[in-house]
Amino acid sequence: MTKDPNLTRRAALALMSASAAATALPAFAQDATEAPVIEVMTLGNPDAPITMYEYSSFTCPHCKRFHEEVLPLIQKNYIDTGKVKLVYRPIYFDRLGLWADMIARCGGQMRYFGIAKMIFDKQSEWTQGETALDIVKNLFAIGRIAGLEDADMEVCIQDSEMASALVDESTANADADGINATPTFVINGEVVPNQAYEGFVAKFDAILSQ
């Protein structure tokens, strides 16, 4: 796999540029070109009777705990059995969360959740760094373990138009559902706070019994 240090250096500059484009430009200053298509990251049967939207941040410790302790049980008992479809909606409370999501998306739909799991698992490690370059190196290291090439990851994070579109969509979704904390869930249209696995079970089973 490619491990050219110049790539990660250029990638760090690209990330800072992408973040600036996503968070600093006013709407009227952006080009009137066609917006990039944002792939919706989902798990489970598209026709599942329950749709669960997860609003989450890659830098949120409570989100990390949900992905480690609760989501595996939901996936085993409800997603993999066709009862629940999970739609992941990232929230960008900081630039690091945006960068992490852009790296995870570099793997496409098939690898997104696997990379996301690795990012959550190593949250306390990859978020440590004094500079953007340090963070990029950490995220690239995770990407390499997932089978991504440095050159491909560089292309992904240089996409400032995608970064802007991701932030715009995240903000619009969160505003529409009144989300102000992570993780927060919307289950069949109802906003549901973070809770233990048993709470989700009660909610799912109540819906399925109707």
N, C-alpha and C. Protein backbone atom coordinates (compact mmCIF):
# COMPACT_ATOMS: atom_id res chain seq x y z
N MET A 1 0.84 -1.19 0.00
CA MET A 1 0.00 0.00 0.00
C MET A 1 0.88 1.25 0.00
N THR A 2 0.39 2.33 -0.60
CA THR A 2 1.14 3.55 -0.68
C THR A 2 1.24 4.21 0.68
N LYS A 3 2.46 4.61 1.04
CA LYS A 3 2.66 5.29 2.31
C LYS A 3 3.58 6.49 2.11
N ASP A 4 3.37 7.24 1.04
CA ASP A 4 4.15 8.42 0.74
C ASP A 4 3.81 9.52 1.73
N PRO A 5 4.77 9.98 2.55
CA PRO A 5 4.47 11.02 3.53
C PRO A 5 4.02 12.32 2.90
N ASN A 6 4.42 12.56 1.66
CA ASN A 6 3.99 13.77 0.97
C ASN A 6 2.49 13.77 0.73
N LEU A 7 1.92 12.56 0.56
CA LEU A 7 0.49 12.45 0.35
C LEU A 7 -0.28 12.93 1.59
N THR A 8 0.14 12.47 2.75
CA THR A 8 -0.57 12.87 3.96
C THR A 8 -0.38 14.35 4.24
N ARG A 9 0.78 14.91 3.87
CA ARG A 9 0.99 16.34 4.05
C ARG A 9 0.05 17.13 3.16
N ARG A 10 -0.04 16.71 1.89
CA ARG A 10 -0.97 17.38 0.98
C ARG A 10 -2.41 17.16 1.43
N ALA A 11 -2.66 15.96 1.97
CA ALA A 11 -4.00 15.65 2.44
C ALA A 11 -4.39 16.55 3.61
N ALA A 12 -3.45 16.85 4.49
CA ALA A 12 -3.74 17.74 5.62
C ALA A 12 -4.15 19.11 5.12
N LEU A 13 -3.42 19.62 4.14
CA LEU A 13 -3.76 20.91 3.56
C LEU A 13 -5.14 20.86 2.91
N ALA A 14 -5.40 19.73 2.23
CA ALA A 14 -6.69 19.57 1.57
C ALA A 14 -7.83 19.54 2.58
N LEU A 15 -7.61 18.85 3.71
CA LEU A 15 -8.63 18.77 4.75
C LEU A 15 -8.95 20.15 5.31
N MET A 16 -7.91 20.94 5.56
CA MET A 16 -8.14 22.27 6.10
C MET A 16 -8.89 23.13 5.09
N SER A 17 -8.53 22.96 3.82
CA SER A 17 -9.22 23.69 2.76
C SER A 17 -10.67 23.25 2.65
N ALA A 18 -10.89 21.93 2.71
CA ALA A 18 -12.25 21.39 2.62
C ALA A 18 -13.09 21.86 3.80
N SER A 19 -12.50 21.87 4.99
CA SER A 19 -13.23 22.31 6.16
C SER A 19 -13.60 23.77 6.05
N ALA A 20 -12.67 24.57 5.55
CA ALA A 20 -12.95 26.00 5.39
C ALA A 20 -14.08 26.20 4.39
N ALA A 21 -14.02 25.43 3.32
CA ALA A 21 -15.07 25.54 2.30
C ALA A 21 -16.41 25.13 2.86
N ALA A 22 -16.40 24.15 3.73
CA ALA A 22 -17.66 23.62 4.25
C ALA A 22 -18.26 24.49 5.34
N THR A 23 -17.40 25.18 6.10
CA THR A 23 -17.91 25.87 7.28
C THR A 23 -17.81 27.38 7.23
N ALA A 24 -17.06 27.92 6.27
CA ALA A 24 -16.82 29.36 6.27
C ALA A 24 -17.51 30.10 5.14
N LEU A 25 -17.73 29.47 4.01
CA LEU A 25 -18.30 30.18 2.87
C LEU A 25 -19.79 30.42 3.05
N PRO A 26 -20.23 31.67 2.88
CA PRO A 26 -21.68 31.93 2.91
C PRO A 26 -22.32 31.36 1.67
N ALA A 27 -23.59 31.07 1.76
CA ALA A 27 -24.28 30.40 0.66
C ALA A 27 -24.18 31.18 -0.64
N PHE A 28 -24.25 32.53 -0.56
CA PHE A 28 -24.25 33.31 -1.78
C PHE A 28 -22.90 33.34 -2.46
N ALA A 29 -21.84 32.90 -1.76
CA ALA A 29 -20.50 32.95 -2.34
C ALA A 29 -20.13 31.66 -3.04
N GLN A 30 -20.98 30.64 -2.93
CA GLN A 30 -20.66 29.35 -3.52
C GLN A 30 -21.10 29.30 -4.97
N ASP A 31 -20.40 28.50 -5.74
CA ASP A 31 -20.72 28.35 -7.16
C ASP A 31 -22.10 27.75 -7.34
N ALA A 32 -22.76 28.15 -8.40
CA ALA A 32 -24.10 27.64 -8.67
C ALA A 32 -24.04 26.38 -9.51
N THR A 33 -23.06 25.53 -9.25
CA THR A 33 -22.92 24.29 -9.98
C THR A 33 -23.79 23.23 -9.32
N GLU A 34 -23.99 22.14 -10.03
CA GLU A 34 -24.81 21.06 -9.50
C GLU A 34 -24.15 20.46 -8.27
N ALA A 35 -24.91 20.31 -7.21
CA ALA A 35 -24.39 19.78 -5.95
C ALA A 35 -23.99 18.32 -6.11
N PRO A 36 -22.92 17.89 -5.44
CA PRO A 36 -22.52 16.47 -5.51
C PRO A 36 -23.57 15.58 -4.88
N VAL A 37 -23.63 14.36 -5.34
CA VAL A 37 -24.59 13.39 -4.81
C VAL A 37 -24.02 12.77 -3.54
N ILE A 38 -24.76 12.87 -2.45
CA ILE A 38 -24.31 12.30 -1.18
C ILE A 38 -24.94 10.93 -1.00
N GLU A 39 -24.10 9.93 -0.85
CA GLU A 39 -24.59 8.57 -0.68
C GLU A 39 -25.16 8.39 0.72
N VAL A 40 -26.36 7.87 0.81
CA VAL A 40 -27.00 7.62 2.10
C VAL A 40 -26.49 6.28 2.62
N MET A 41 -25.92 6.29 3.81
CA MET A 41 -25.33 5.09 4.38
C MET A 41 -26.37 4.34 5.22
N THR A 42 -26.70 3.13 4.79
CA THR A 42 -27.75 2.37 5.47
C THR A 42 -27.31 0.95 5.76
N LEU A 43 -27.97 0.36 6.75
CA LEU A 43 -27.81 -1.05 7.07
C LEU A 43 -29.20 -1.67 7.13
N GLY A 44 -29.34 -2.88 6.58
CA GLY A 44 -30.59 -3.60 6.74
C GLY A 44 -31.48 -3.60 5.52
N ASN A 45 -32.62 -4.24 5.69
CA ASN A 45 -33.61 -4.41 4.64
C ASN A 45 -34.25 -3.07 4.29
N PRO A 46 -34.17 -2.64 3.02
CA PRO A 46 -34.79 -1.36 2.63
C PRO A 46 -36.28 -1.31 2.94
N ASP A 47 -36.93 -2.46 2.97
CA ASP A 47 -38.37 -2.52 3.22
C ASP A 47 -38.72 -2.91 4.66
N ALA A 48 -37.76 -2.75 5.56
CA ALA A 48 -38.01 -3.11 6.96
C ALA A 48 -39.16 -2.27 7.52
N PRO A 49 -39.96 -2.84 8.41
CA PRO A 49 -41.09 -2.10 8.98
C PRO A 49 -40.67 -0.93 9.88
N ILE A 50 -39.43 -0.95 10.33
CA ILE A 50 -38.93 0.11 11.20
C ILE A 50 -37.73 0.78 10.53
N THR A 51 -37.77 2.10 10.46
CA THR A 51 -36.63 2.88 9.98
C THR A 51 -36.08 3.67 11.15
N MET A 52 -34.80 3.47 11.42
CA MET A 52 -34.15 4.12 12.55
C MET A 52 -33.03 5.02 12.02
N TYR A 53 -33.19 6.33 12.20
CA TYR A 53 -32.14 7.28 11.84
C TYR A 53 -31.25 7.50 13.05
N GLU A 54 -29.95 7.36 12.84
CA GLU A 54 -29.00 7.61 13.92
C GLU A 54 -28.26 8.90 13.63
N TYR A 55 -28.41 9.88 14.51
CA TYR A 55 -27.63 11.11 14.44
C TYR A 55 -26.44 10.94 15.37
N SER A 56 -25.24 11.00 14.81
CA SER A 56 -24.07 10.63 15.58
C SER A 56 -22.85 11.43 15.13
N SER A 57 -21.87 11.53 16.00
CA SER A 57 -20.61 12.21 15.69
C SER A 57 -19.45 11.28 15.98
N PHE A 58 -18.49 11.25 15.07
CA PHE A 58 -17.33 10.38 15.26
C PHE A 58 -16.44 10.82 16.42
N THR A 59 -16.63 12.02 16.94
CA THR A 59 -15.82 12.48 18.07
C THR A 59 -16.61 12.47 19.38
N CYS A 60 -17.80 11.89 19.36
CA CYS A 60 -18.68 11.85 20.54
C CYS A 60 -18.45 10.56 21.33
N PRO A 61 -18.02 10.65 22.59
CA PRO A 61 -17.79 9.45 23.40
C PRO A 61 -19.06 8.61 23.61
N HIS A 62 -20.21 9.26 23.77
CA HIS A 62 -21.46 8.52 23.95
C HIS A 62 -21.82 7.75 22.67
N CYS A 63 -21.48 8.32 21.51
CA CYS A 63 -21.72 7.63 20.24
C CYS A 63 -20.82 6.41 20.13
N LYS A 64 -19.59 6.57 20.56
CA LYS A 64 -18.65 5.45 20.58
C LYS A 64 -19.20 4.31 21.43
N ARG A 65 -19.74 4.65 22.59
CA ARG A 65 -20.29 3.63 23.49
C ARG A 65 -21.50 2.94 22.85
N PHE A 66 -22.35 3.71 22.17
CA PHE A 66 -23.49 3.11 21.49
C PHE A 66 -23.04 2.12 20.44
N HIS A 67 -22.02 2.49 19.67
CA HIS A 67 -21.54 1.62 18.59
C HIS A 67 -20.83 0.39 19.14
N GLU A 68 -20.29 0.47 20.31
CA GLU A 68 -19.58 -0.66 20.90
C GLU A 68 -20.52 -1.60 21.66
N GLU A 69 -21.49 -1.04 22.37
CA GLU A 69 -22.28 -1.84 23.30
C GLU A 69 -23.71 -2.12 22.86
N VAL A 70 -24.32 -1.19 22.14
CA VAL A 70 -25.75 -1.31 21.82
C VAL A 70 -25.99 -1.70 20.37
N LEU A 71 -25.33 -1.02 19.44
CA LEU A 71 -25.58 -1.29 18.02
C LEU A 71 -25.33 -2.74 17.63
N PRO A 72 -24.29 -3.41 18.13
CA PRO A 72 -24.10 -4.82 17.75
C PRO A 72 -25.31 -5.69 18.10
N LEU A 73 -25.96 -5.42 19.22
CA LEU A 73 -27.13 -6.18 19.62
C LEU A 73 -28.33 -5.85 18.73
N ILE A 74 -28.49 -4.56 18.43
CA ILE A 74 -29.58 -4.16 17.53
C ILE A 74 -29.37 -4.79 16.16
N GLN A 75 -28.13 -4.78 15.70
CA GLN A 75 -27.86 -5.35 14.38
C GLN A 75 -28.15 -6.85 14.35
N LYS A 76 -27.73 -7.55 15.37
CA LYS A 76 -27.92 -9.00 15.41
C LYS A 76 -29.40 -9.37 15.48
N ASN A 77 -30.15 -8.67 16.32
CA ASN A 77 -31.52 -9.09 16.61
C ASN A 77 -32.60 -8.38 15.79
N TYR A 78 -32.27 -7.24 15.21
CA TYR A 78 -33.30 -6.49 14.50
C TYR A 78 -32.91 -6.10 13.07
N ILE A 79 -31.66 -5.67 12.88
CA ILE A 79 -31.25 -5.27 11.52
C ILE A 79 -31.02 -6.49 10.64
N ASP A 80 -30.25 -7.42 11.13
CA ASP A 80 -29.93 -8.60 10.33
C ASP A 80 -31.14 -9.51 10.13
N THR A 81 -32.16 -9.36 10.94
CA THR A 81 -33.37 -10.17 10.80
C THR A 81 -34.45 -9.47 9.97
N GLY A 82 -34.11 -8.32 9.41
CA GLY A 82 -35.03 -7.63 8.51
C GLY A 82 -36.09 -6.77 9.16
N LYS A 83 -35.98 -6.55 10.46
CA LYS A 83 -37.01 -5.78 11.17
C LYS A 83 -36.71 -4.29 11.21
N VAL A 84 -35.43 -3.93 11.17
CA VAL A 84 -35.03 -2.53 11.29
C VAL A 84 -34.05 -2.17 10.18
N LYS A 85 -34.27 -1.00 9.59
CA LYS A 85 -33.31 -0.41 8.67
C LYS A 85 -32.66 0.77 9.39
N LEU A 86 -31.33 0.78 9.44
CA LEU A 86 -30.60 1.87 10.09
C LEU A 86 -30.08 2.82 9.02
N VAL A 87 -30.35 4.10 9.22
CA VAL A 87 -29.82 5.14 8.34
C VAL A 87 -28.90 6.03 9.18
N TYR A 88 -27.64 6.09 8.79
CA TYR A 88 -26.66 6.85 9.58
C TYR A 88 -26.60 8.30 9.09
N ARG A 89 -26.81 9.24 10.00
CA ARG A 89 -26.74 10.65 9.67
C ARG A 89 -25.70 11.34 10.55
N PRO A 90 -24.52 11.60 9.99
CA PRO A 90 -23.46 12.19 10.80
C PRO A 90 -23.75 13.64 11.17
N ILE A 91 -23.31 14.01 12.35
CA ILE A 91 -23.36 15.38 12.83
C ILE A 91 -21.92 15.86 12.96
N TYR A 92 -21.65 17.06 12.46
CA TYR A 92 -20.28 17.58 12.49
C TYR A 92 -20.18 18.70 13.52
N PHE A 93 -19.92 18.32 14.77
CA PHE A 93 -19.72 19.31 15.81
C PHE A 93 -18.35 19.96 15.70
N ASP A 94 -17.45 19.31 14.98
CA ASP A 94 -16.10 19.82 14.82
C ASP A 94 -15.54 19.34 13.49
N ARG A 95 -14.41 19.89 13.08
CA ARG A 95 -13.81 19.52 11.81
C ARG A 95 -13.34 18.06 11.82
N LEU A 96 -12.90 17.59 12.96
CA LEU A 96 -12.41 16.21 13.02
C LEU A 96 -13.51 15.23 12.65
N GLY A 97 -14.72 15.49 13.10
CA GLY A 97 -15.83 14.61 12.75
C GLY A 97 -16.11 14.60 11.26
N LEU A 98 -16.00 15.76 10.63
CA LEU A 98 -16.17 15.84 9.19
C LEU A 98 -15.09 15.06 8.47
N TRP A 99 -13.85 15.26 8.90
CA TRP A 99 -12.74 14.56 8.25
C TRP A 99 -12.90 13.05 8.37
N ALA A 100 -13.29 12.59 9.56
CA ALA A 100 -13.45 11.15 9.76
C ALA A 100 -14.54 10.59 8.85
N ASP A 101 -15.64 11.32 8.72
CA ASP A 101 -16.73 10.85 7.87
C ASP A 101 -16.30 10.79 6.41
N MET A 102 -15.49 11.76 5.97
CA MET A 102 -15.03 11.77 4.59
C MET A 102 -14.11 10.58 4.31
N ILE A 103 -13.30 10.21 5.29
CA ILE A 103 -12.45 9.03 5.14
C ILE A 103 -13.31 7.76 5.10
N ALA A 104 -14.29 7.66 5.99
CA ALA A 104 -15.16 6.48 6.01
C ALA A 104 -15.91 6.35 4.69
N ARG A 105 -16.38 7.48 4.14
CA ARG A 105 -17.10 7.45 2.87
C ARG A 105 -16.22 7.06 1.70
N CYS A 106 -14.93 7.19 1.88
CA CYS A 106 -14.00 6.83 0.82
C CYS A 106 -14.08 5.34 0.50
N GLY A 107 -14.55 4.55 1.45
CA GLY A 107 -14.70 3.12 1.23
C GLY A 107 -16.01 2.73 0.57
N GLY A 108 -16.90 3.71 0.36
CA GLY A 108 -18.19 3.42 -0.27
C GLY A 108 -19.16 2.74 0.68
N GLN A 109 -20.36 2.47 0.18
CA GLN A 109 -21.43 1.88 0.98
C GLN A 109 -21.02 0.55 1.60
N MET A 110 -20.33 -0.28 0.84
CA MET A 110 -20.00 -1.63 1.30
C MET A 110 -19.05 -1.63 2.50
N ARG A 111 -18.17 -0.63 2.56
CA ARG A 111 -17.17 -0.62 3.63
C ARG A 111 -17.38 0.49 4.66
N TYR A 112 -18.39 1.31 4.44
CA TYR A 112 -18.56 2.47 5.32
C TYR A 112 -18.68 2.09 6.79
N PHE A 113 -19.59 1.18 7.10
CA PHE A 113 -19.83 0.87 8.51
C PHE A 113 -18.67 0.12 9.16
N GLY A 114 -17.93 -0.63 8.35
CA GLY A 114 -16.74 -1.28 8.89
C GLY A 114 -15.68 -0.27 9.25
N ILE A 115 -15.48 0.72 8.38
CA ILE A 115 -14.51 1.77 8.67
C ILE A 115 -15.00 2.63 9.83
N ALA A 116 -16.30 2.92 9.83
CA ALA A 116 -16.87 3.72 10.92
C ALA A 116 -16.64 3.04 12.27
N LYS A 117 -16.80 1.73 12.31
CA LYS A 117 -16.56 1.00 13.56
C LYS A 117 -15.12 1.16 14.02
N MET A 118 -14.19 1.08 13.08
CA MET A 118 -12.77 1.24 13.42
C MET A 118 -12.49 2.65 13.93
N ILE A 119 -13.13 3.65 13.31
CA ILE A 119 -12.94 5.03 13.73
C ILE A 119 -13.47 5.23 15.15
N PHE A 120 -14.64 4.67 15.43
CA PHE A 120 -15.18 4.77 16.79
C PHE A 120 -14.30 4.01 17.78
N ASP A 121 -13.88 2.80 17.41
CA ASP A 121 -13.06 1.99 18.31
C ASP A 121 -11.77 2.71 18.71
N LYS A 122 -11.19 3.45 17.76
CA LYS A 122 -9.90 4.12 17.99
C LYS A 122 -10.07 5.62 18.25
N GLN A 123 -11.26 6.01 18.69
CA GLN A 123 -11.56 7.42 18.88
C GLN A 123 -10.54 8.13 19.76
N SER A 124 -10.16 7.52 20.87
CA SER A 124 -9.24 8.17 21.80
C SER A 124 -7.83 8.26 21.25
N GLU A 125 -7.55 7.52 20.16
CA GLU A 125 -6.21 7.53 19.57
C GLU A 125 -6.12 8.51 18.40
N TRP A 126 -7.02 8.38 17.42
CA TRP A 126 -6.86 9.19 16.21
C TRP A 126 -7.17 10.67 16.44
N THR A 127 -7.94 10.98 17.48
CA THR A 127 -8.26 12.38 17.76
C THR A 127 -7.12 13.12 18.45
N GLN A 128 -6.10 12.38 18.86
CA GLN A 128 -4.97 13.01 19.52
C GLN A 128 -3.95 13.48 18.48
N GLY A 129 -3.69 14.75 18.47
CA GLY A 129 -2.72 15.32 17.53
C GLY A 129 -2.70 16.83 17.68
N GLU A 130 -1.51 17.39 17.57
CA GLU A 130 -1.38 18.83 17.74
C GLU A 130 -1.67 19.60 16.45
N THR A 131 -1.59 18.91 15.32
CA THR A 131 -1.80 19.58 14.03
C THR A 131 -2.75 18.76 13.17
N ALA A 132 -3.23 19.40 12.10
CA ALA A 132 -4.08 18.68 11.15
C ALA A 132 -3.34 17.50 10.55
N LEU A 133 -2.04 17.67 10.32
CA LEU A 133 -1.25 16.59 9.75
C LEU A 133 -1.26 15.37 10.65
N ASP A 134 -1.18 15.58 11.96
CA ASP A 134 -1.23 14.46 12.89
C ASP A 134 -2.55 13.70 12.77
N ILE A 135 -3.65 14.44 12.69
CA ILE A 135 -4.96 13.82 12.59
C ILE A 135 -5.08 13.06 11.28
N VAL A 136 -4.58 13.66 10.19
CA VAL A 136 -4.64 13.00 8.89
C VAL A 136 -3.87 11.69 8.92
N LYS A 137 -2.70 11.72 9.48
CA LYS A 137 -1.89 10.49 9.57
C LYS A 137 -2.65 9.41 10.33
N ASN A 138 -3.30 9.81 11.42
CA ASN A 138 -4.05 8.84 12.22
C ASN A 138 -5.22 8.25 11.43
N LEU A 139 -5.95 9.11 10.73
CA LEU A 139 -7.09 8.64 9.95
C LEU A 139 -6.64 7.79 8.76
N PHE A 140 -5.54 8.18 8.14
CA PHE A 140 -5.01 7.39 7.03
C PHE A 140 -4.58 6.01 7.50
N ALA A 141 -4.04 5.95 8.72
CA ALA A 141 -3.61 4.66 9.26
C ALA A 141 -4.81 3.73 9.41
N ILE A 142 -5.93 4.28 9.85
CA ILE A 142 -7.16 3.49 9.96
C ILE A 142 -7.62 3.06 8.58
N GLY A 143 -7.59 4.00 7.64
CA GLY A 143 -8.01 3.69 6.28
C GLY A 143 -7.18 2.58 5.65
N ARG A 144 -5.88 2.59 5.92
CA ARG A 144 -5.02 1.55 5.35
C ARG A 144 -5.40 0.18 5.89
N ILE A 145 -5.69 0.11 7.20
CA ILE A 145 -6.10 -1.17 7.78
C ILE A 145 -7.36 -1.67 7.10
N ALA A 146 -8.23 -0.73 6.69
CA ALA A 146 -9.48 -1.11 6.01
C ALA A 146 -9.27 -1.40 4.53
N GLY A 147 -8.03 -1.25 4.05
CA GLY A 147 -7.75 -1.57 2.65
C GLY A 147 -7.76 -0.38 1.71
N LEU A 148 -7.86 0.84 2.24
CA LEU A 148 -7.85 2.02 1.39
C LEU A 148 -6.42 2.43 1.06
N GLU A 149 -6.23 3.01 -0.12
CA GLU A 149 -4.94 3.52 -0.54
C GLU A 149 -4.84 5.00 -0.19
N ASP A 150 -3.61 5.44 0.15
CA ASP A 150 -3.40 6.84 0.50
C ASP A 150 -3.87 7.77 -0.62
N ALA A 151 -3.53 7.43 -1.85
CA ALA A 151 -3.90 8.29 -2.98
C ALA A 151 -5.41 8.42 -3.11
N ASP A 152 -6.14 7.34 -2.84
CA ASP A 152 -7.61 7.39 -2.92
C ASP A 152 -8.18 8.24 -1.79
N MET A 153 -7.61 8.10 -0.59
CA MET A 153 -8.09 8.89 0.53
C MET A 153 -7.80 10.37 0.31
N GLU A 154 -6.68 10.67 -0.31
CA GLU A 154 -6.35 12.06 -0.60
C GLU A 154 -7.39 12.66 -1.55
N VAL A 155 -7.77 11.90 -2.55
CA VAL A 155 -8.79 12.38 -3.48
C VAL A 155 -10.09 12.65 -2.75
N CYS A 156 -10.47 11.75 -1.85
CA CYS A 156 -11.72 11.91 -1.12
C CYS A 156 -11.74 13.18 -0.29
N ILE A 157 -10.66 13.44 0.44
CA ILE A 157 -10.68 14.57 1.36
C ILE A 157 -10.34 15.89 0.68
N GLN A 158 -9.91 15.83 -0.57
CA GLN A 158 -9.69 17.07 -1.32
C GLN A 158 -10.99 17.61 -1.90
N ASP A 159 -12.05 16.84 -1.83
CA ASP A 159 -13.30 17.22 -2.45
C ASP A 159 -14.04 18.26 -1.59
N SER A 160 -13.69 19.52 -1.78
CA SER A 160 -14.30 20.58 -0.97
C SER A 160 -15.78 20.75 -1.27
N GLU A 161 -16.20 20.48 -2.50
CA GLU A 161 -17.62 20.57 -2.82
C GLU A 161 -18.42 19.52 -2.05
N MET A 162 -17.85 18.31 -1.94
CA MET A 162 -18.52 17.28 -1.15
C MET A 162 -18.55 17.66 0.32
N ALA A 163 -17.46 18.22 0.81
CA ALA A 163 -17.42 18.64 2.22
C ALA A 163 -18.51 19.65 2.50
N SER A 164 -18.66 20.62 1.62
CA SER A 164 -19.71 21.64 1.79
C SER A 164 -21.09 21.01 1.75
N ALA A 165 -21.28 20.08 0.81
CA ALA A 165 -22.59 19.43 0.68
C ALA A 165 -22.90 18.59 1.91
N LEU A 166 -21.91 17.90 2.44
CA LEU A 166 -22.11 17.08 3.63
C LEU A 166 -22.54 17.94 4.82
N VAL A 167 -21.86 19.06 5.02
CA VAL A 167 -22.20 19.95 6.13
C VAL A 167 -23.60 20.53 5.94
N ASP A 168 -23.91 20.95 4.72
CA ASP A 168 -25.24 21.50 4.44
C ASP A 168 -26.34 20.48 4.72
N GLU A 169 -26.14 19.23 4.25
CA GLU A 169 -27.15 18.20 4.46
C GLU A 169 -27.28 17.84 5.93
N SER A 170 -26.15 17.74 6.62
CA SER A 170 -26.18 17.41 8.04
C SER A 170 -26.95 18.47 8.82
N THR A 171 -26.68 19.72 8.51
CA THR A 171 -27.36 20.82 9.20
C THR A 171 -28.85 20.80 8.91
N ALA A 172 -29.20 20.59 7.65
CA ALA A 172 -30.62 20.57 7.26
C ALA A 172 -31.36 19.43 7.94
N ASN A 173 -30.77 18.25 7.96
CA ASN A 173 -31.41 17.09 8.60
C ASN A 173 -31.60 17.32 10.10
N ALA A 174 -30.53 17.81 10.74
CA ALA A 174 -30.60 18.03 12.19
C ALA A 174 -31.63 19.09 12.53
N ASP A 175 -31.68 20.15 11.75
CA ASP A 175 -32.67 21.21 12.00
C ASP A 175 -34.09 20.68 11.81
N ALA A 176 -34.28 19.87 10.77
CA ALA A 176 -35.62 19.35 10.48
C ALA A 176 -36.15 18.47 11.61
N ASP A 177 -35.24 17.71 12.23
CA ASP A 177 -35.65 16.79 13.30
C ASP A 177 -35.42 17.35 14.69
N GLY A 178 -34.90 18.58 14.78
CA GLY A 178 -34.68 19.19 16.09
C GLY A 178 -33.59 18.52 16.89
N ILE A 179 -32.52 18.09 16.24
CA ILE A 179 -31.43 17.38 16.91
C ILE A 179 -30.43 18.37 17.50
N ASN A 180 -30.13 18.23 18.78
CA ASN A 180 -29.13 19.10 19.41
C ASN A 180 -28.15 18.34 20.28
N ALA A 181 -28.19 17.02 20.22
CA ALA A 181 -27.25 16.20 20.98
C ALA A 181 -27.04 14.88 20.26
N THR A 182 -25.91 14.25 20.53
CA THR A 182 -25.63 12.95 19.92
C THR A 182 -25.22 11.95 21.00
N PRO A 183 -25.57 10.67 20.79
CA PRO A 183 -26.42 10.20 19.70
C PRO A 183 -27.90 10.43 20.01
N THR A 184 -28.64 10.75 18.98
CA THR A 184 -30.09 10.87 19.06
C THR A 184 -30.67 10.09 17.88
N PHE A 185 -31.85 9.52 18.07
CA PHE A 185 -32.42 8.64 17.06
C PHE A 185 -33.83 9.10 16.69
N VAL A 186 -34.20 8.82 15.45
CA VAL A 186 -35.57 9.04 15.00
C VAL A 186 -36.07 7.70 14.51
N ILE A 187 -37.04 7.14 15.24
CA ILE A 187 -37.55 5.81 14.94
C ILE A 187 -38.99 5.92 14.45
N ASN A 188 -39.17 5.60 13.18
CA ASN A 188 -40.49 5.75 12.54
C ASN A 188 -41.11 7.11 12.84
N GLY A 189 -40.28 8.14 12.70
CA GLY A 189 -40.76 9.51 12.83
C GLY A 189 -40.72 10.09 14.23
N GLU A 190 -40.42 9.29 15.24
CA GLU A 190 -40.39 9.77 16.62
C GLU A 190 -38.96 9.94 17.10
N VAL A 191 -38.65 11.12 17.64
CA VAL A 191 -37.31 11.37 18.18
C VAL A 191 -37.14 10.61 19.48
N VAL A 192 -36.06 9.82 19.55
CA VAL A 192 -35.80 8.97 20.70
C VAL A 192 -34.39 9.25 21.21
N PRO A 193 -34.24 9.52 22.52
CA PRO A 193 -32.90 9.79 23.07
C PRO A 193 -32.07 8.52 23.19
N ASN A 194 -30.79 8.72 23.43
CA ASN A 194 -29.90 7.59 23.66
C ASN A 194 -30.32 6.85 24.92
N GLN A 195 -30.21 5.52 24.90
CA GLN A 195 -30.64 4.72 26.04
C GLN A 195 -30.01 3.34 25.96
N ALA A 196 -30.27 2.55 26.96
CA ALA A 196 -29.76 1.19 26.98
C ALA A 196 -30.46 0.34 25.92
N TYR A 197 -29.86 -0.79 25.60
CA TYR A 197 -30.41 -1.68 24.58
C TYR A 197 -31.86 -2.06 24.87
N GLU A 198 -32.17 -2.29 26.15
CA GLU A 198 -33.51 -2.71 26.53
C GLU A 198 -34.56 -1.66 26.14
N GLY A 199 -34.19 -0.40 26.19
CA GLY A 199 -35.11 0.65 25.81
C GLY A 199 -35.46 0.59 24.32
N PHE A 200 -34.45 0.30 23.49
CA PHE A 200 -34.70 0.15 22.06
C PHE A 200 -35.55 -1.08 21.78
N VAL A 201 -35.29 -2.15 22.52
CA VAL A 201 -36.08 -3.36 22.35
C VAL A 201 -37.54 -3.09 22.61
N ALA A 202 -37.82 -2.38 23.69
CA ALA A 202 -39.21 -2.06 24.05
C ALA A 202 -39.87 -1.24 22.94
N LYS A 203 -39.11 -0.29 22.39
CA LYS A 203 -39.65 0.56 21.34
C LYS A 203 -39.90 -0.24 20.07
N PHE A 204 -38.92 -1.03 19.66
CA PHE A 204 -39.07 -1.85 18.45
C PHE A 204 -40.23 -2.82 18.58
N ASP A 205 -40.29 -3.53 19.69
CA ASP A 205 -41.31 -4.56 19.86
C ASP A 205 -42.72 -3.95 19.92
N ALA A 206 -42.83 -2.74 20.47
CA ALA A 206 -44.13 -2.08 20.51
C ALA A 206 -44.60 -1.75 19.09
N ILE A 207 -43.68 -1.32 18.25
CA ILE A 207 -44.02 -1.01 16.87
C ILE A 207 -44.38 -2.29 16.10
N LEU A 208 -43.58 -3.31 16.29
CA LEU A 208 -43.80 -4.56 15.57
C LEU A 208 -45.09 -5.27 15.98
N SER A 209 -45.56 -5.00 17.17
CA SER A 209 -46.78 -5.66 17.65
C SER A 209 -48.05 -4.97 17.19
N GLN A 210 -47.90 -3.81 16.59
CA GLN A 210 -49.09 -3.05 16.15
C GLN A 210 -49.75 -3.69 14.94
